[in-house]
Amino acid sequence: MFDHVIKVAFVVEDVAKAVEFYTRTLDLQIEARYPSGKGEGEDFVFLRSKAIFVELLPKKAMGDAPAGFHHMAFKVDSVDNRLADLKERGVNVIAEAYDAGVGGIRLADFEGPEGVLLRLFAKPGI
């Protein structure tokens, strides 16, 4: 059903420090930045390697979410179609398909074992 994991997301207190670590220490490249509306430097940042994206989510934009692992996302061609498939398989849907409002991204959330947040992710060009 899924080609591969495309993204792992982390809530971070200091976006700039996290970007510096992932780009300078691990040689990931900045793919995109999207304003969170929570102040300068509080962007959502997509970093990429050849195999996976790492998404940094500014703590200020994430409400009560604790710092650390947030979700694992799976690349799909159609969020709506894959979500329908998952519903037929009995998954607990947390958020129906929705547009993220930036970059043409479409998402849907569902629950994995032990309550792990799993996400369907579609973005033109990825």
N, C-alpha and C. Protein backbone atom coordinates (compact mmCIF):
# COMPACT_ATOMS: atom_id res chain seq x y z
N MET A 1 0.82 -1.20 0.00
CA MET A 1 0.00 0.00 0.00
C MET A 1 0.86 1.26 0.00
N PHE A 2 2.01 1.24 0.68
CA PHE A 2 2.87 2.41 0.76
C PHE A 2 4.22 2.10 0.15
N ASP A 3 4.72 3.01 -0.68
CA ASP A 3 6.03 2.82 -1.29
C ASP A 3 7.14 2.92 -0.26
N HIS A 4 7.05 3.93 0.59
CA HIS A 4 8.10 4.13 1.58
C HIS A 4 7.71 5.22 2.57
N VAL A 5 8.39 5.20 3.70
CA VAL A 5 8.25 6.28 4.66
C VAL A 5 8.92 7.49 4.02
N ILE A 6 8.25 8.61 4.04
CA ILE A 6 8.84 9.78 3.42
C ILE A 6 9.34 10.77 4.46
N LYS A 7 8.76 10.76 5.67
CA LYS A 7 9.08 11.85 6.58
C LYS A 7 8.90 11.42 8.02
N VAL A 8 9.82 11.87 8.86
CA VAL A 8 9.70 11.75 10.30
C VAL A 8 9.73 13.17 10.84
N ALA A 9 8.83 13.51 11.74
CA ALA A 9 8.71 14.88 12.23
C ALA A 9 9.01 14.96 13.72
N PHE A 10 9.69 16.04 14.09
CA PHE A 10 10.05 16.30 15.48
C PHE A 10 9.60 17.69 15.88
N VAL A 11 9.00 17.82 17.05
CA VAL A 11 8.72 19.13 17.64
C VAL A 11 10.00 19.59 18.30
N VAL A 12 10.42 20.82 18.00
CA VAL A 12 11.68 21.34 18.54
C VAL A 12 11.47 22.70 19.20
N GLU A 13 12.20 22.92 20.28
CA GLU A 13 12.14 24.21 20.98
C GLU A 13 12.86 25.30 20.21
N ASP A 14 13.99 24.98 19.57
CA ASP A 14 14.82 25.95 18.89
C ASP A 14 15.03 25.50 17.44
N VAL A 15 14.23 26.06 16.53
CA VAL A 15 14.27 25.65 15.14
C VAL A 15 15.65 25.91 14.53
N ALA A 16 16.21 27.09 14.76
CA ALA A 16 17.51 27.43 14.17
C ALA A 16 18.60 26.46 14.61
N LYS A 17 18.61 26.12 15.88
CA LYS A 17 19.61 25.18 16.40
C LYS A 17 19.42 23.80 15.78
N ALA A 18 18.18 23.36 15.64
CA ALA A 18 17.91 22.05 15.04
C ALA A 18 18.30 22.04 13.56
N VAL A 19 18.00 23.12 12.84
CA VAL A 19 18.38 23.21 11.43
C VAL A 19 19.89 23.15 11.31
N GLU A 20 20.59 23.87 12.16
CA GLU A 20 22.05 23.86 12.12
C GLU A 20 22.59 22.44 12.34
N PHE A 21 22.05 21.74 13.33
CA PHE A 21 22.50 20.37 13.60
C PHE A 21 22.29 19.47 12.39
N TYR A 22 21.07 19.43 11.87
CA TYR A 22 20.76 18.51 10.77
C TYR A 22 21.49 18.86 9.48
N THR A 23 21.73 20.17 9.23
CA THR A 23 22.42 20.55 7.99
C THR A 23 23.94 20.47 8.13
N ARG A 24 24.48 20.93 9.23
CA ARG A 24 25.95 20.95 9.38
C ARG A 24 26.51 19.62 9.86
N THR A 25 25.81 18.97 10.77
CA THR A 25 26.32 17.73 11.34
C THR A 25 25.97 16.52 10.48
N LEU A 26 24.75 16.48 9.96
CA LEU A 26 24.29 15.32 9.21
C LEU A 26 24.19 15.56 7.70
N ASP A 27 24.53 16.75 7.26
CA ASP A 27 24.55 17.10 5.83
C ASP A 27 23.19 16.99 5.13
N LEU A 28 22.10 17.14 5.86
CA LEU A 28 20.80 17.20 5.21
C LEU A 28 20.67 18.57 4.54
N GLN A 29 19.82 18.66 3.54
CA GLN A 29 19.60 19.90 2.81
C GLN A 29 18.23 20.47 3.15
N ILE A 30 18.13 21.79 3.20
CA ILE A 30 16.82 22.42 3.42
C ILE A 30 16.02 22.29 2.13
N GLU A 31 14.88 21.65 2.23
CA GLU A 31 13.98 21.47 1.10
C GLU A 31 13.00 22.62 1.01
N ALA A 32 12.42 23.02 2.15
CA ALA A 32 11.41 24.08 2.16
C ALA A 32 11.25 24.62 3.57
N ARG A 33 10.79 25.86 3.64
CA ARG A 33 10.42 26.50 4.92
C ARG A 33 9.02 27.06 4.75
N TYR A 34 8.18 26.85 5.75
CA TYR A 34 6.82 27.37 5.72
C TYR A 34 6.56 28.13 7.02
N PRO A 35 6.13 29.38 6.93
CA PRO A 35 5.88 30.16 8.15
C PRO A 35 4.80 29.51 9.02
N SER A 36 5.03 29.52 10.32
CA SER A 36 4.04 28.97 11.25
C SER A 36 3.08 30.04 11.75
N GLY A 37 3.44 31.30 11.55
CA GLY A 37 2.63 32.39 12.06
C GLY A 37 2.90 32.67 13.53
N LYS A 38 3.94 32.05 14.10
CA LYS A 38 4.25 32.19 15.53
C LYS A 38 5.50 33.02 15.77
N GLY A 39 5.96 33.77 14.76
CA GLY A 39 7.11 34.65 14.94
C GLY A 39 8.26 34.31 14.02
N GLU A 40 9.19 35.24 13.92
CA GLU A 40 10.36 35.06 13.07
C GLU A 40 11.19 33.88 13.55
N GLY A 41 11.61 33.05 12.61
CA GLY A 41 12.42 31.89 12.95
C GLY A 41 11.62 30.69 13.42
N GLU A 42 10.32 30.81 13.50
CA GLU A 42 9.46 29.72 13.98
C GLU A 42 8.79 29.02 12.80
N ASP A 43 9.58 28.75 11.77
CA ASP A 43 9.07 28.10 10.56
C ASP A 43 8.97 26.59 10.75
N PHE A 44 8.08 25.98 9.97
CA PHE A 44 8.10 24.54 9.76
C PHE A 44 9.18 24.32 8.71
N VAL A 45 10.12 23.43 8.96
CA VAL A 45 11.25 23.24 8.04
C VAL A 45 11.30 21.79 7.58
N PHE A 46 11.36 21.60 6.27
CA PHE A 46 11.55 20.29 5.69
C PHE A 46 13.03 20.16 5.31
N LEU A 47 13.68 19.13 5.84
CA LEU A 47 15.06 18.81 5.50
C LEU A 47 15.04 17.49 4.76
N ARG A 48 16.02 17.27 3.87
CA ARG A 48 15.99 16.01 3.14
C ARG A 48 17.37 15.41 2.98
N SER A 49 17.37 14.10 2.92
CA SER A 49 18.54 13.33 2.49
C SER A 49 18.09 12.61 1.22
N LYS A 50 18.86 11.67 0.73
CA LYS A 50 18.44 10.93 -0.45
C LYS A 50 17.27 10.00 -0.16
N ALA A 51 17.11 9.61 1.10
CA ALA A 51 16.12 8.59 1.43
C ALA A 51 14.91 9.08 2.20
N ILE A 52 15.03 10.18 2.93
CA ILE A 52 13.95 10.55 3.84
C ILE A 52 13.97 12.05 4.11
N PHE A 53 12.83 12.58 4.49
CA PHE A 53 12.71 13.95 4.95
C PHE A 53 12.66 13.95 6.47
N VAL A 54 13.21 14.98 7.07
CA VAL A 54 13.03 15.26 8.49
C VAL A 54 12.31 16.58 8.55
N GLU A 55 11.20 16.63 9.26
CA GLU A 55 10.43 17.86 9.40
C GLU A 55 10.61 18.38 10.81
N LEU A 56 10.95 19.66 10.92
CA LEU A 56 11.08 20.31 12.22
C LEU A 56 9.84 21.17 12.44
N LEU A 57 9.15 20.93 13.54
CA LEU A 57 7.92 21.63 13.88
C LEU A 57 8.19 22.55 15.07
N PRO A 58 8.06 23.87 14.91
CA PRO A 58 8.36 24.75 16.03
C PRO A 58 7.40 24.53 17.19
N LYS A 59 7.93 24.36 18.38
CA LYS A 59 7.14 24.12 19.58
C LYS A 59 6.06 25.17 19.75
N LYS A 60 6.41 26.43 19.46
CA LYS A 60 5.44 27.52 19.61
C LYS A 60 4.20 27.33 18.74
N ALA A 61 4.34 26.61 17.64
CA ALA A 61 3.23 26.39 16.72
C ALA A 61 2.48 25.09 17.00
N MET A 62 2.97 24.30 17.95
CA MET A 62 2.43 22.96 18.14
C MET A 62 1.61 22.78 19.42
N GLY A 63 1.23 23.88 20.04
CA GLY A 63 0.37 23.81 21.21
C GLY A 63 0.96 22.98 22.33
N ASP A 64 0.22 21.98 22.78
CA ASP A 64 0.64 21.15 23.91
C ASP A 64 1.53 19.98 23.53
N ALA A 65 1.86 19.85 22.25
CA ALA A 65 2.70 18.72 21.83
C ALA A 65 4.07 18.83 22.49
N PRO A 66 4.54 17.74 23.11
CA PRO A 66 5.86 17.79 23.75
C PRO A 66 6.97 17.79 22.70
N ALA A 67 8.13 18.29 23.09
CA ALA A 67 9.29 18.24 22.21
C ALA A 67 9.66 16.78 21.98
N GLY A 68 10.16 16.49 20.79
CA GLY A 68 10.56 15.13 20.45
C GLY A 68 9.77 14.60 19.27
N PHE A 69 9.74 13.29 19.13
CA PHE A 69 9.05 12.65 18.00
C PHE A 69 7.60 13.11 17.96
N HIS A 70 7.12 13.42 16.75
CA HIS A 70 5.73 13.83 16.59
C HIS A 70 4.94 12.83 15.73
N HIS A 71 5.42 12.54 14.52
CA HIS A 71 4.71 11.61 13.66
C HIS A 71 5.63 11.03 12.60
N MET A 72 5.16 9.96 11.99
CA MET A 72 5.82 9.38 10.84
C MET A 72 4.83 9.48 9.68
N ALA A 73 5.31 9.95 8.53
CA ALA A 73 4.41 10.16 7.39
C ALA A 73 4.76 9.20 6.25
N PHE A 74 3.72 8.82 5.52
CA PHE A 74 3.86 7.93 4.37
C PHE A 74 3.44 8.69 3.12
N LYS A 75 4.30 8.68 2.11
CA LYS A 75 4.00 9.32 0.84
C LYS A 75 2.96 8.50 0.11
N VAL A 76 1.94 9.18 -0.38
CA VAL A 76 0.90 8.53 -1.17
C VAL A 76 0.55 9.43 -2.35
N ASP A 77 0.00 8.84 -3.39
CA ASP A 77 -0.44 9.64 -4.54
C ASP A 77 -1.74 10.37 -4.24
N SER A 78 -2.62 9.72 -3.50
CA SER A 78 -3.91 10.32 -3.17
C SER A 78 -4.23 10.05 -1.70
N VAL A 79 -4.19 11.10 -0.90
CA VAL A 79 -4.52 10.98 0.52
C VAL A 79 -5.94 10.46 0.69
N ASP A 80 -6.85 10.99 -0.08
CA ASP A 80 -8.25 10.59 0.06
C ASP A 80 -8.46 9.11 -0.24
N ASN A 81 -7.86 8.61 -1.31
CA ASN A 81 -8.02 7.19 -1.67
C ASN A 81 -7.37 6.28 -0.63
N ARG A 82 -6.17 6.62 -0.20
CA ARG A 82 -5.47 5.77 0.79
C ARG A 82 -6.20 5.79 2.12
N LEU A 83 -6.74 6.94 2.50
CA LEU A 83 -7.49 7.01 3.76
C LEU A 83 -8.72 6.11 3.69
N ALA A 84 -9.39 6.10 2.55
CA ALA A 84 -10.54 5.22 2.37
C ALA A 84 -10.12 3.75 2.52
N ASP A 85 -8.97 3.39 1.95
CA ASP A 85 -8.45 2.03 2.09
C ASP A 85 -8.19 1.70 3.57
N LEU A 86 -7.58 2.62 4.27
CA LEU A 86 -7.26 2.39 5.68
C LEU A 86 -8.53 2.26 6.53
N LYS A 87 -9.53 3.05 6.22
CA LYS A 87 -10.81 2.94 6.94
C LYS A 87 -11.41 1.55 6.76
N GLU A 88 -11.32 1.02 5.54
CA GLU A 88 -11.84 -0.33 5.29
C GLU A 88 -11.07 -1.36 6.09
N ARG A 89 -9.82 -1.07 6.41
CA ARG A 89 -9.00 -1.99 7.20
C ARG A 89 -9.16 -1.77 8.69
N GLY A 90 -10.01 -0.82 9.06
CA GLY A 90 -10.35 -0.64 10.47
C GLY A 90 -9.45 0.29 11.27
N VAL A 91 -8.66 1.13 10.61
CA VAL A 91 -7.80 2.03 11.39
C VAL A 91 -8.62 3.09 12.10
N ASN A 92 -8.06 3.62 13.17
CA ASN A 92 -8.66 4.72 13.89
C ASN A 92 -8.18 6.02 13.25
N VAL A 93 -9.06 6.71 12.53
CA VAL A 93 -8.73 7.97 11.86
C VAL A 93 -8.77 9.10 12.89
N ILE A 94 -7.68 9.85 12.96
CA ILE A 94 -7.58 10.98 13.89
C ILE A 94 -8.00 12.27 13.21
N ALA A 95 -7.59 12.44 11.94
CA ALA A 95 -7.96 13.65 11.18
C ALA A 95 -8.26 13.23 9.75
N GLU A 96 -9.44 13.56 9.28
CA GLU A 96 -9.81 13.30 7.89
C GLU A 96 -8.88 14.08 6.97
N ALA A 97 -8.87 13.75 5.70
CA ALA A 97 -8.01 14.41 4.71
C ALA A 97 -8.24 15.91 4.73
N TYR A 98 -7.13 16.65 4.70
CA TYR A 98 -7.21 18.12 4.71
C TYR A 98 -6.01 18.71 4.01
N ASP A 99 -6.18 19.94 3.52
CA ASP A 99 -5.08 20.67 2.90
C ASP A 99 -4.33 21.41 4.00
N ALA A 100 -2.99 21.31 3.96
CA ALA A 100 -2.16 21.97 4.97
C ALA A 100 -2.14 23.48 4.81
N GLY A 101 -2.49 23.97 3.62
CA GLY A 101 -2.52 25.41 3.40
C GLY A 101 -1.20 25.98 2.88
N VAL A 102 -0.19 25.13 2.70
CA VAL A 102 1.09 25.56 2.14
C VAL A 102 1.63 24.48 1.22
N GLY A 103 2.32 24.88 0.17
CA GLY A 103 3.05 23.95 -0.69
C GLY A 103 2.23 22.89 -1.40
N GLY A 104 0.90 23.06 -1.46
CA GLY A 104 0.06 22.06 -2.10
C GLY A 104 -0.01 20.74 -1.34
N ILE A 105 0.34 20.78 -0.05
CA ILE A 105 0.39 19.58 0.78
C ILE A 105 -1.01 19.16 1.22
N ARG A 106 -1.29 17.87 1.14
CA ARG A 106 -2.55 17.29 1.63
C ARG A 106 -2.18 16.20 2.62
N LEU A 107 -2.92 16.16 3.74
CA LEU A 107 -2.60 15.27 4.85
C LEU A 107 -3.84 14.56 5.37
N ALA A 108 -3.62 13.50 6.11
CA ALA A 108 -4.64 12.83 6.92
C ALA A 108 -3.89 12.08 8.01
N ASP A 109 -4.47 11.98 9.19
CA ASP A 109 -3.81 11.34 10.32
C ASP A 109 -4.58 10.13 10.79
N PHE A 110 -3.81 9.11 11.20
CA PHE A 110 -4.43 7.92 11.77
C PHE A 110 -3.52 7.38 12.86
N GLU A 111 -4.09 6.49 13.67
CA GLU A 111 -3.37 5.98 14.83
C GLU A 111 -2.71 4.65 14.54
N GLY A 112 -1.46 4.54 14.95
CA GLY A 112 -0.73 3.29 14.88
C GLY A 112 -0.73 2.60 16.23
N PRO A 113 -0.02 1.50 16.36
CA PRO A 113 0.07 0.81 17.66
C PRO A 113 0.59 1.74 18.74
N GLU A 114 0.09 1.56 19.94
CA GLU A 114 0.49 2.36 21.10
C GLU A 114 0.19 3.85 20.92
N GLY A 115 -0.76 4.16 20.04
CA GLY A 115 -1.16 5.55 19.85
C GLY A 115 -0.20 6.40 19.04
N VAL A 116 0.75 5.79 18.34
CA VAL A 116 1.70 6.55 17.52
C VAL A 116 0.94 7.26 16.40
N LEU A 117 1.22 8.55 16.24
CA LEU A 117 0.59 9.33 15.19
C LEU A 117 1.23 9.00 13.85
N LEU A 118 0.42 8.51 12.91
CA LEU A 118 0.86 8.20 11.56
C LEU A 118 0.12 9.13 10.61
N ARG A 119 0.79 9.51 9.53
CA ARG A 119 0.22 10.53 8.65
C ARG A 119 0.37 10.10 7.19
N LEU A 120 -0.68 10.37 6.41
CA LEU A 120 -0.61 10.26 4.96
C LEU A 120 -0.20 11.63 4.44
N PHE A 121 0.69 11.64 3.43
CA PHE A 121 1.30 12.88 2.97
C PHE A 121 1.36 12.88 1.45
N ALA A 122 0.79 13.92 0.83
CA ALA A 122 0.91 14.08 -0.62
C ALA A 122 1.31 15.52 -0.90
N LYS A 123 2.31 15.68 -1.76
CA LYS A 123 2.78 17.01 -2.15
C LYS A 123 3.21 16.94 -3.60
N PRO A 124 2.74 17.85 -4.42
CA PRO A 124 3.18 17.84 -5.82
C PRO A 124 4.70 17.91 -5.91
N GLY A 125 5.27 17.07 -6.77
CA GLY A 125 6.70 17.09 -6.99
C GLY A 125 7.52 16.21 -6.08
N ILE A 126 6.89 15.57 -5.12
CA ILE A 126 7.63 14.68 -4.21
C ILE A 126 7.15 13.27 -4.43
